[in-house]
Amino acid sequence: MKIIVGLGNPGDKYAYTYHNVGFLTLDIIADRLGITVDDPECDSLTGVKNIGGERVVLAKPQTFMNLSGKAVKQLLGRYRAAPSDLLVIYDDIDIEKGTFRYRERGSAGTHNGMRDIISSLGGGEFARLRVGTGKVPDNIPLVAYVLMNITDEDRVLIGGAAKEAADKAIEWLKTTHR
């Protein structure tokens, strides 16, 4: 059992914002694996497929970013999965645009969605992929920045990083313990 969760905010209004990079990356993974992510369950949209004899769940929480922990906890319970079976993908302003970072565990950093997940699960012992959205411009408040539509210029950089992060997520599926 493996669960990959992409973080974002539900609704068309937020579809192409910096804060929805987790959803955008999950869409790339779903496309590559042939999984449709549209089944409502556990306060999420999910898609499930057996890959190489292992059940894989892709999920987009529909709880809004700052309450992502509720959905993630429900998913782990529903699928009887441990935190070690979980990979969370999300945007990170502390990482340069066009890059991503993978870690097997860690803290939430400055990300409120991750803070909620770590709080809900009682720790950060799960894998994460952080896709860089870059530093917030000095003249824009943080909340306004993450909820802005990704600029055309940034779309190329962030899109490239999302594709590389999707590759890493698929590698994680194939190489983590079963």
N, C-alpha and C. Protein backbone atom coordinates (compact mmCIF):
# COMPACT_ATOMS: atom_id res chain seq x y z
N MET A 1 0.84 -1.18 0.00
CA MET A 1 0.00 0.00 0.00
C MET A 1 0.88 1.24 0.00
N LYS A 2 0.61 2.13 -0.94
CA LYS A 2 1.30 3.42 -1.00
C LYS A 2 0.26 4.50 -1.27
N ILE A 3 0.40 5.63 -0.59
CA ILE A 3 -0.50 6.77 -0.77
C ILE A 3 0.34 7.99 -1.12
N ILE A 4 -0.01 8.62 -2.23
CA ILE A 4 0.62 9.87 -2.61
C ILE A 4 -0.45 10.95 -2.54
N VAL A 5 -0.18 11.98 -1.75
CA VAL A 5 -1.12 13.09 -1.57
C VAL A 5 -0.47 14.35 -2.14
N GLY A 6 -1.19 15.01 -3.02
CA GLY A 6 -0.77 16.32 -3.52
C GLY A 6 -1.59 17.38 -2.80
N LEU A 7 -0.93 18.40 -2.26
CA LEU A 7 -1.66 19.43 -1.52
C LEU A 7 -2.05 20.59 -2.43
N GLY A 8 -3.20 21.17 -2.13
CA GLY A 8 -3.71 22.32 -2.86
C GLY A 8 -5.02 22.76 -2.26
N ASN A 9 -5.68 23.66 -2.93
CA ASN A 9 -7.00 24.14 -2.53
C ASN A 9 -8.00 23.73 -3.60
N PRO A 10 -9.19 23.28 -3.18
CA PRO A 10 -10.18 22.84 -4.17
C PRO A 10 -10.82 24.03 -4.90
N GLY A 11 -11.29 23.76 -6.09
CA GLY A 11 -12.04 24.76 -6.84
C GLY A 11 -11.25 25.39 -7.97
N ASP A 12 -11.97 25.78 -9.01
CA ASP A 12 -11.35 26.39 -10.19
C ASP A 12 -10.60 27.66 -9.87
N LYS A 13 -11.07 28.39 -8.88
CA LYS A 13 -10.45 29.66 -8.50
C LYS A 13 -8.96 29.50 -8.16
N TYR A 14 -8.62 28.34 -7.61
CA TYR A 14 -7.26 28.11 -7.13
C TYR A 14 -6.44 27.19 -8.04
N ALA A 15 -7.02 26.70 -9.11
CA ALA A 15 -6.42 25.63 -9.92
C ALA A 15 -4.98 25.89 -10.34
N TYR A 16 -4.66 27.11 -10.73
CA TYR A 16 -3.32 27.39 -11.26
C TYR A 16 -2.53 28.34 -10.38
N THR A 17 -2.76 28.26 -9.06
CA THR A 17 -2.04 29.11 -8.12
C THR A 17 -0.77 28.42 -7.64
N TYR A 18 0.12 29.21 -7.06
CA TYR A 18 1.36 28.66 -6.52
C TYR A 18 1.07 27.61 -5.44
N HIS A 19 0.01 27.81 -4.67
CA HIS A 19 -0.31 26.89 -3.58
C HIS A 19 -0.85 25.56 -4.10
N ASN A 20 -1.18 25.46 -5.38
CA ASN A 20 -1.73 24.23 -5.93
C ASN A 20 -0.71 23.40 -6.69
N VAL A 21 0.55 23.68 -6.50
CA VAL A 21 1.60 22.92 -7.18
C VAL A 21 1.54 21.44 -6.81
N GLY A 22 1.12 21.11 -5.61
CA GLY A 22 0.96 19.71 -5.22
C GLY A 22 -0.09 19.02 -6.06
N PHE A 23 -1.23 19.68 -6.28
CA PHE A 23 -2.28 19.13 -7.14
C PHE A 23 -1.75 18.97 -8.57
N LEU A 24 -1.06 19.99 -9.06
CA LEU A 24 -0.56 19.95 -10.44
C LEU A 24 0.44 18.80 -10.63
N THR A 25 1.31 18.59 -9.65
CA THR A 25 2.27 17.49 -9.72
C THR A 25 1.55 16.15 -9.66
N LEU A 26 0.53 16.04 -8.80
CA LEU A 26 -0.23 14.80 -8.70
C LEU A 26 -0.92 14.50 -10.02
N ASP A 27 -1.40 15.51 -10.73
CA ASP A 27 -2.02 15.30 -12.03
C ASP A 27 -1.03 14.68 -13.02
N ILE A 28 0.22 15.11 -12.97
CA ILE A 28 1.24 14.54 -13.85
C ILE A 28 1.46 13.06 -13.51
N ILE A 29 1.55 12.77 -12.22
CA ILE A 29 1.72 11.38 -11.77
C ILE A 29 0.54 10.53 -12.22
N ALA A 30 -0.67 11.03 -12.01
CA ALA A 30 -1.89 10.30 -12.38
C ALA A 30 -1.90 10.00 -13.88
N ASP A 31 -1.52 10.98 -14.68
CA ASP A 31 -1.48 10.80 -16.12
C ASP A 31 -0.47 9.73 -16.50
N ARG A 32 0.69 9.77 -15.91
CA ARG A 32 1.74 8.79 -16.23
C ARG A 32 1.38 7.38 -15.80
N LEU A 33 0.62 7.26 -14.69
CA LEU A 33 0.25 5.94 -14.17
C LEU A 33 -1.11 5.47 -14.66
N GLY A 34 -1.81 6.32 -15.41
CA GLY A 34 -3.13 5.94 -15.91
C GLY A 34 -4.18 5.84 -14.81
N ILE A 35 -4.13 6.77 -13.86
CA ILE A 35 -5.08 6.77 -12.75
C ILE A 35 -5.94 8.03 -12.85
N THR A 36 -7.25 7.86 -12.75
CA THR A 36 -8.17 8.99 -12.72
C THR A 36 -8.44 9.34 -11.26
N VAL A 37 -8.21 10.59 -10.90
CA VAL A 37 -8.36 11.03 -9.51
C VAL A 37 -9.66 11.84 -9.42
N ASP A 38 -10.78 11.13 -9.20
CA ASP A 38 -12.07 11.83 -9.14
C ASP A 38 -13.09 11.17 -8.22
N ASP A 39 -12.67 10.16 -7.46
CA ASP A 39 -13.59 9.50 -6.53
C ASP A 39 -13.61 10.25 -5.20
N PRO A 40 -14.78 10.74 -4.75
CA PRO A 40 -14.83 11.45 -3.47
C PRO A 40 -14.83 10.47 -2.29
N GLU A 41 -13.82 10.59 -1.46
CA GLU A 41 -13.75 9.81 -0.22
C GLU A 41 -12.74 10.47 0.71
N CYS A 42 -12.95 10.32 2.00
CA CYS A 42 -12.00 10.81 3.00
C CYS A 42 -11.70 12.29 2.82
N ASP A 43 -12.72 13.10 2.54
CA ASP A 43 -12.53 14.54 2.30
C ASP A 43 -11.48 14.80 1.23
N SER A 44 -11.43 13.93 0.23
CA SER A 44 -10.45 14.02 -0.86
C SER A 44 -11.08 13.55 -2.16
N LEU A 45 -10.40 13.83 -3.24
CA LEU A 45 -10.65 13.15 -4.51
C LEU A 45 -9.53 12.14 -4.65
N THR A 46 -9.88 10.89 -4.96
CA THR A 46 -8.87 9.84 -5.01
C THR A 46 -8.96 9.04 -6.30
N GLY A 47 -7.90 8.33 -6.56
CA GLY A 47 -7.82 7.34 -7.62
C GLY A 47 -6.97 6.20 -7.10
N VAL A 48 -7.37 4.97 -7.38
CA VAL A 48 -6.69 3.80 -6.85
C VAL A 48 -6.38 2.84 -8.00
N LYS A 49 -5.19 2.26 -7.96
CA LYS A 49 -4.80 1.29 -8.98
C LYS A 49 -3.77 0.35 -8.39
N ASN A 50 -3.83 -0.92 -8.79
CA ASN A 50 -2.77 -1.86 -8.41
C ASN A 50 -1.65 -1.73 -9.43
N ILE A 51 -0.45 -1.49 -8.93
CA ILE A 51 0.72 -1.33 -9.78
C ILE A 51 1.80 -2.26 -9.26
N GLY A 52 2.20 -3.20 -10.09
CA GLY A 52 3.24 -4.15 -9.68
C GLY A 52 2.84 -4.94 -8.45
N GLY A 53 1.57 -5.25 -8.32
CA GLY A 53 1.09 -6.02 -7.19
C GLY A 53 0.85 -5.22 -5.92
N GLU A 54 1.01 -3.91 -6.01
CA GLU A 54 0.80 -3.06 -4.84
C GLU A 54 -0.31 -2.04 -5.11
N ARG A 55 -1.14 -1.84 -4.13
CA ARG A 55 -2.22 -0.86 -4.25
C ARG A 55 -1.64 0.54 -4.08
N VAL A 56 -1.95 1.42 -5.03
CA VAL A 56 -1.49 2.80 -5.01
C VAL A 56 -2.70 3.72 -4.99
N VAL A 57 -2.71 4.65 -4.03
CA VAL A 57 -3.77 5.64 -3.91
C VAL A 57 -3.17 7.01 -4.19
N LEU A 58 -3.78 7.75 -5.11
CA LEU A 58 -3.44 9.15 -5.34
C LEU A 58 -4.57 9.98 -4.78
N ALA A 59 -4.26 11.07 -4.08
CA ALA A 59 -5.31 11.85 -3.42
C ALA A 59 -5.03 13.34 -3.47
N LYS A 60 -6.14 14.08 -3.62
CA LYS A 60 -6.13 15.54 -3.53
C LYS A 60 -7.12 15.93 -2.43
N PRO A 61 -6.63 16.29 -1.24
CA PRO A 61 -7.55 16.71 -0.17
C PRO A 61 -8.42 17.88 -0.63
N GLN A 62 -9.66 17.85 -0.21
CA GLN A 62 -10.62 18.90 -0.56
C GLN A 62 -10.98 19.75 0.65
N THR A 63 -10.13 19.73 1.66
CA THR A 63 -10.38 20.41 2.93
C THR A 63 -9.81 21.82 2.97
N PHE A 64 -9.21 22.29 1.91
CA PHE A 64 -8.41 23.51 1.85
C PHE A 64 -7.09 23.24 2.54
N MET A 65 -6.08 23.91 2.07
CA MET A 65 -4.69 23.66 2.42
C MET A 65 -4.44 23.54 3.93
N ASN A 66 -4.89 24.52 4.69
CA ASN A 66 -4.53 24.58 6.11
C ASN A 66 -5.19 23.51 6.96
N LEU A 67 -6.10 22.73 6.38
CA LEU A 67 -6.76 21.64 7.10
C LEU A 67 -6.48 20.28 6.45
N SER A 68 -5.38 20.19 5.74
CA SER A 68 -5.03 18.97 5.00
C SER A 68 -4.87 17.75 5.90
N GLY A 69 -4.51 17.95 7.14
CA GLY A 69 -4.28 16.83 8.05
C GLY A 69 -5.49 15.95 8.25
N LYS A 70 -6.66 16.55 8.27
CA LYS A 70 -7.90 15.78 8.46
C LYS A 70 -8.05 14.74 7.35
N ALA A 71 -7.87 15.16 6.11
CA ALA A 71 -8.02 14.24 4.98
C ALA A 71 -6.93 13.18 4.98
N VAL A 72 -5.69 13.59 5.24
CA VAL A 72 -4.58 12.63 5.22
C VAL A 72 -4.77 11.57 6.31
N LYS A 73 -5.18 11.98 7.48
CA LYS A 73 -5.41 11.02 8.56
C LYS A 73 -6.52 10.04 8.18
N GLN A 74 -7.59 10.56 7.58
CA GLN A 74 -8.68 9.68 7.13
C GLN A 74 -8.19 8.68 6.08
N LEU A 75 -7.38 9.14 5.14
CA LEU A 75 -6.86 8.25 4.10
C LEU A 75 -6.02 7.12 4.69
N LEU A 76 -5.13 7.46 5.63
CA LEU A 76 -4.30 6.43 6.25
C LEU A 76 -5.18 5.42 6.99
N GLY A 77 -6.22 5.89 7.66
CA GLY A 77 -7.13 4.99 8.36
C GLY A 77 -7.93 4.12 7.40
N ARG A 78 -8.47 4.73 6.39
CA ARG A 78 -9.31 4.01 5.41
C ARG A 78 -8.53 2.89 4.72
N TYR A 79 -7.28 3.17 4.38
CA TYR A 79 -6.47 2.20 3.65
C TYR A 79 -5.51 1.42 4.54
N ARG A 80 -5.66 1.60 5.86
CA ARG A 80 -4.84 0.89 6.83
C ARG A 80 -3.35 1.00 6.49
N ALA A 81 -2.95 2.23 6.25
CA ALA A 81 -1.57 2.52 5.86
C ALA A 81 -0.84 3.21 7.01
N ALA A 82 0.44 3.02 7.05
CA ALA A 82 1.29 3.68 8.04
C ALA A 82 1.85 4.97 7.44
N PRO A 83 2.28 5.91 8.28
CA PRO A 83 2.92 7.11 7.73
C PRO A 83 4.09 6.79 6.79
N SER A 84 4.78 5.68 7.00
CA SER A 84 5.89 5.31 6.12
C SER A 84 5.42 4.93 4.71
N ASP A 85 4.11 4.75 4.54
CA ASP A 85 3.53 4.44 3.23
C ASP A 85 3.04 5.69 2.52
N LEU A 86 3.33 6.86 3.08
CA LEU A 86 2.79 8.12 2.61
C LEU A 86 3.86 9.01 2.00
N LEU A 87 3.52 9.65 0.87
CA LEU A 87 4.34 10.68 0.25
C LEU A 87 3.44 11.89 0.05
N VAL A 88 3.85 13.05 0.56
CA VAL A 88 3.09 14.29 0.41
C VAL A 88 3.87 15.23 -0.50
N ILE A 89 3.16 15.80 -1.47
CA ILE A 89 3.78 16.73 -2.43
C ILE A 89 3.16 18.10 -2.24
N TYR A 90 4.02 19.13 -2.13
CA TYR A 90 3.49 20.47 -1.88
C TYR A 90 4.45 21.55 -2.36
N ASP A 91 3.94 22.77 -2.43
CA ASP A 91 4.71 23.94 -2.83
C ASP A 91 5.57 24.41 -1.66
N ASP A 92 6.70 25.03 -1.98
CA ASP A 92 7.57 25.55 -0.92
C ASP A 92 8.24 26.84 -1.38
N ILE A 93 7.96 27.92 -0.66
CA ILE A 93 8.53 29.24 -0.99
C ILE A 93 10.01 29.33 -0.63
N ASP A 94 10.49 28.40 0.17
CA ASP A 94 11.88 28.41 0.60
C ASP A 94 12.80 27.65 -0.35
N ILE A 95 12.25 27.15 -1.44
CA ILE A 95 13.03 26.42 -2.44
C ILE A 95 12.95 27.19 -3.76
N GLU A 96 14.07 27.28 -4.42
CA GLU A 96 14.17 28.02 -5.68
C GLU A 96 13.21 27.48 -6.74
N LYS A 97 12.60 28.38 -7.49
CA LYS A 97 11.73 27.99 -8.59
C LYS A 97 12.51 27.11 -9.55
N GLY A 98 11.84 26.08 -10.04
CA GLY A 98 12.48 25.19 -11.00
C GLY A 98 13.21 24.03 -10.37
N THR A 99 13.13 23.91 -9.04
CA THR A 99 13.79 22.81 -8.34
C THR A 99 12.80 22.13 -7.40
N PHE A 100 13.19 20.97 -6.92
CA PHE A 100 12.39 20.27 -5.91
C PHE A 100 13.34 19.57 -4.95
N ARG A 101 12.80 19.19 -3.81
CA ARG A 101 13.58 18.44 -2.81
C ARG A 101 12.75 17.29 -2.28
N TYR A 102 13.41 16.17 -2.11
CA TYR A 102 12.78 14.99 -1.52
C TYR A 102 13.41 14.74 -0.16
N ARG A 103 12.57 14.43 0.80
CA ARG A 103 13.06 14.04 2.14
C ARG A 103 12.18 12.90 2.64
N GLU A 104 12.79 12.01 3.40
CA GLU A 104 12.04 10.87 3.94
C GLU A 104 11.27 11.22 5.20
N ARG A 105 11.62 12.33 5.82
CA ARG A 105 10.92 12.78 7.03
C ARG A 105 11.35 14.21 7.29
N GLY A 106 10.71 14.86 8.24
CA GLY A 106 11.15 16.21 8.57
C GLY A 106 10.07 17.05 9.20
N SER A 107 10.34 18.34 9.24
CA SER A 107 9.42 19.29 9.86
C SER A 107 8.53 19.91 8.79
N ALA A 108 7.63 20.77 9.22
CA ALA A 108 6.71 21.45 8.31
C ALA A 108 7.33 22.68 7.67
N GLY A 109 8.41 23.18 8.26
CA GLY A 109 8.98 24.43 7.77
C GLY A 109 7.95 25.54 7.90
N THR A 110 7.77 26.32 6.85
CA THR A 110 6.84 27.45 6.90
C THR A 110 5.47 27.11 6.32
N HIS A 111 5.21 25.85 6.04
CA HIS A 111 4.00 25.44 5.32
C HIS A 111 2.88 25.03 6.28
N ASN A 112 1.78 25.78 6.27
CA ASN A 112 0.67 25.50 7.19
C ASN A 112 -0.04 24.18 6.90
N GLY A 113 -0.14 23.79 5.65
CA GLY A 113 -0.75 22.49 5.33
C GLY A 113 0.05 21.35 5.93
N MET A 114 1.37 21.44 5.83
CA MET A 114 2.22 20.41 6.41
C MET A 114 2.17 20.44 7.94
N ARG A 115 2.08 21.62 8.51
CA ARG A 115 1.93 21.71 9.98
C ARG A 115 0.69 20.94 10.42
N ASP A 116 -0.41 21.11 9.68
CA ASP A 116 -1.65 20.43 10.04
C ASP A 116 -1.53 18.92 9.88
N ILE A 117 -0.86 18.47 8.84
CA ILE A 117 -0.67 17.03 8.64
C ILE A 117 0.18 16.45 9.77
N ILE A 118 1.29 17.08 10.07
CA ILE A 118 2.17 16.60 11.13
C ILE A 118 1.44 16.58 12.47
N SER A 119 0.66 17.60 12.74
CA SER A 119 -0.14 17.65 13.97
C SER A 119 -1.16 16.51 13.99
N SER A 120 -1.86 16.30 12.89
CA SER A 120 -2.89 15.26 12.82
C SER A 120 -2.32 13.86 12.94
N LEU A 121 -1.12 13.64 12.39
CA LEU A 121 -0.52 12.31 12.43
C LEU A 121 0.36 12.10 13.65
N GLY A 122 0.65 13.17 14.38
CA GLY A 122 1.47 13.06 15.57
C GLY A 122 2.96 12.97 15.28
N GLY A 123 3.37 13.40 14.10
CA GLY A 123 4.80 13.40 13.76
C GLY A 123 5.01 13.51 12.26
N GLY A 124 6.26 13.74 11.90
CA GLY A 124 6.63 13.94 10.51
C GLY A 124 7.37 12.79 9.88
N GLU A 125 7.05 11.57 10.31
CA GLU A 125 7.76 10.38 9.81
C GLU A 125 7.13 9.86 8.52
N PHE A 126 7.09 10.72 7.51
CA PHE A 126 6.59 10.32 6.20
C PHE A 126 7.38 11.12 5.16
N ALA A 127 7.41 10.58 3.94
CA ALA A 127 8.18 11.21 2.86
C ALA A 127 7.46 12.43 2.33
N ARG A 128 8.27 13.36 1.78
CA ARG A 128 7.69 14.56 1.19
C ARG A 128 8.52 15.03 0.03
N LEU A 129 7.82 15.59 -0.95
CA LEU A 129 8.44 16.24 -2.10
C LEU A 129 8.00 17.69 -2.08
N ARG A 130 8.97 18.59 -2.02
CA ARG A 130 8.67 20.03 -1.99
C ARG A 130 9.08 20.62 -3.33
N VAL A 131 8.12 21.22 -4.01
CA VAL A 131 8.38 21.84 -5.30
C VAL A 131 8.54 23.34 -5.07
N GLY A 132 9.68 23.87 -5.50
CA GLY A 132 10.01 25.26 -5.23
C GLY A 132 9.16 26.25 -6.01
N THR A 133 8.60 27.20 -5.27
CA THR A 133 7.87 28.31 -5.90
C THR A 133 8.61 29.62 -5.68
N GLY A 134 9.74 29.57 -5.00
CA GLY A 134 10.60 30.73 -4.84
C GLY A 134 10.16 31.72 -3.78
N LYS A 135 11.06 32.62 -3.50
CA LYS A 135 10.83 33.66 -2.48
C LYS A 135 9.65 34.55 -2.86
N VAL A 136 8.93 34.97 -1.86
CA VAL A 136 7.81 35.89 -2.05
C VAL A 136 8.37 37.27 -2.37
N PRO A 137 7.90 37.89 -3.47
CA PRO A 137 8.37 39.25 -3.77
C PRO A 137 8.09 40.20 -2.61
N ASP A 138 9.00 41.16 -2.40
CA ASP A 138 8.90 42.08 -1.26
C ASP A 138 7.59 42.86 -1.23
N ASN A 139 7.02 43.15 -2.37
CA ASN A 139 5.83 44.00 -2.42
C ASN A 139 4.52 43.22 -2.36
N ILE A 140 4.57 41.90 -2.12
CA ILE A 140 3.36 41.08 -2.11
C ILE A 140 3.29 40.30 -0.79
N PRO A 141 2.17 40.39 -0.07
CA PRO A 141 2.02 39.59 1.16
C PRO A 141 2.04 38.09 0.83
N LEU A 142 2.54 37.28 1.75
CA LEU A 142 2.66 35.83 1.55
C LEU A 142 1.34 35.21 1.09
N VAL A 143 0.26 35.47 1.79
CA VAL A 143 -1.03 34.86 1.44
C VAL A 143 -1.45 35.24 0.03
N ALA A 144 -1.25 36.49 -0.34
CA ALA A 144 -1.61 36.92 -1.70
C ALA A 144 -0.75 36.20 -2.73
N TYR A 145 0.54 36.03 -2.43
CA TYR A 145 1.44 35.37 -3.39
C TYR A 145 1.04 33.92 -3.64
N VAL A 146 0.87 33.14 -2.58
CA VAL A 146 0.58 31.72 -2.78
C VAL A 146 -0.77 31.48 -3.45
N LEU A 147 -1.68 32.47 -3.35
CA LEU A 147 -2.99 32.33 -3.97
C LEU A 147 -3.09 33.02 -5.33
N MET A 148 -1.96 33.58 -5.81
CA MET A 148 -1.91 34.17 -7.16
C MET A 148 -1.80 33.07 -8.20
N ASN A 149 -2.32 33.34 -9.39
CA ASN A 149 -2.06 32.42 -10.50
C ASN A 149 -0.57 32.47 -10.84
N ILE A 150 -0.02 31.33 -11.16
CA ILE A 150 1.39 31.23 -11.54
C ILE A 150 1.60 32.05 -12.81
N THR A 151 2.62 32.89 -12.81
CA THR A 151 2.89 33.73 -13.98
C THR A 151 3.37 32.85 -15.14
N ASP A 152 3.23 33.37 -16.35
CA ASP A 152 3.69 32.62 -17.52
C ASP A 152 5.17 32.28 -17.41
N GLU A 153 5.97 33.21 -16.96
CA GLU A 153 7.40 32.98 -16.81
C GLU A 153 7.68 31.86 -15.81
N ASP A 154 6.98 31.90 -14.68
CA ASP A 154 7.19 30.88 -13.64
C ASP A 154 6.61 29.53 -14.04
N ARG A 155 5.60 29.53 -14.88
CA ARG A 155 4.95 28.27 -15.28
C ARG A 155 5.96 27.31 -15.91
N VAL A 156 6.89 27.84 -16.68
CA VAL A 156 7.90 27.00 -17.32
C VAL A 156 8.81 26.37 -16.26
N LEU A 157 9.32 27.20 -15.35
CA LEU A 157 10.22 26.71 -14.31
C LEU A 157 9.52 25.73 -13.37
N ILE A 158 8.37 26.14 -12.87
CA ILE A 158 7.65 25.31 -11.90
C ILE A 158 7.11 24.05 -12.56
N GLY A 159 6.65 24.18 -13.81
CA GLY A 159 6.18 23.00 -14.55
C GLY A 159 7.28 21.98 -14.74
N GLY A 160 8.49 22.44 -15.05
CA GLY A 160 9.63 21.53 -15.19
C GLY A 160 9.96 20.83 -13.89
N ALA A 161 9.93 21.57 -12.79
CA ALA A 161 10.20 20.98 -11.48
C ALA A 161 9.10 19.99 -11.10
N ALA A 162 7.85 20.30 -11.45
CA ALA A 162 6.73 19.39 -11.15
C ALA A 162 6.90 18.07 -11.91
N LYS A 163 7.36 18.14 -13.15
CA LYS A 163 7.60 16.91 -13.93
C LYS A 163 8.73 16.09 -13.31
N GLU A 164 9.79 16.75 -12.87
CA GLU A 164 10.90 16.03 -12.22
C GLU A 164 10.44 15.45 -10.88
N ALA A 165 9.63 16.20 -10.14
CA ALA A 165 9.09 15.69 -8.87
C ALA A 165 8.20 14.48 -9.12
N ALA A 166 7.42 14.51 -10.19
CA ALA A 166 6.57 13.36 -10.54
C ALA A 166 7.43 12.13 -10.83
N ASP A 167 8.55 12.33 -11.53
CA ASP A 167 9.48 11.23 -11.77
C ASP A 167 9.97 10.65 -10.44
N LYS A 168 10.32 11.52 -9.50
CA LYS A 168 10.82 11.08 -8.20
C LYS A 168 9.72 10.33 -7.44
N ALA A 169 8.48 10.80 -7.52
CA ALA A 169 7.37 10.13 -6.84
C ALA A 169 7.16 8.71 -7.40
N ILE A 170 7.27 8.57 -8.69
CA ILE A 170 7.11 7.24 -9.30
C ILE A 170 8.29 6.35 -8.92
N GLU A 171 9.47 6.92 -8.84
CA GLU A 171 10.63 6.17 -8.35
C GLU A 171 10.40 5.72 -6.91
N TRP A 172 9.84 6.62 -6.08
CA TRP A 172 9.53 6.29 -4.68
C TRP A 172 8.58 5.10 -4.61
N LEU A 173 7.58 5.09 -5.49
CA LEU A 173 6.64 3.95 -5.51
C LEU A 173 7.36 2.64 -5.79
N LYS A 174 8.34 2.69 -6.66
CA LYS A 174 9.02 1.48 -7.09
C LYS A 174 10.10 1.02 -6.12
N THR A 175 10.67 1.95 -5.36
CA THR A 175 11.85 1.59 -4.57
C THR A 175 11.63 1.52 -3.06
N THR A 176 10.54 2.07 -2.55
CA THR A 176 10.35 1.99 -1.10
C THR A 176 9.94 0.58 -0.72
N HIS A 177 10.20 0.23 0.53
CA HIS A 177 9.93 -1.12 1.00
C HIS A 177 8.47 -1.49 0.79
N ARG A 178 8.27 -2.74 0.56
CA ARG A 178 6.89 -3.26 0.34
C ARG A 178 6.53 -4.20 1.43
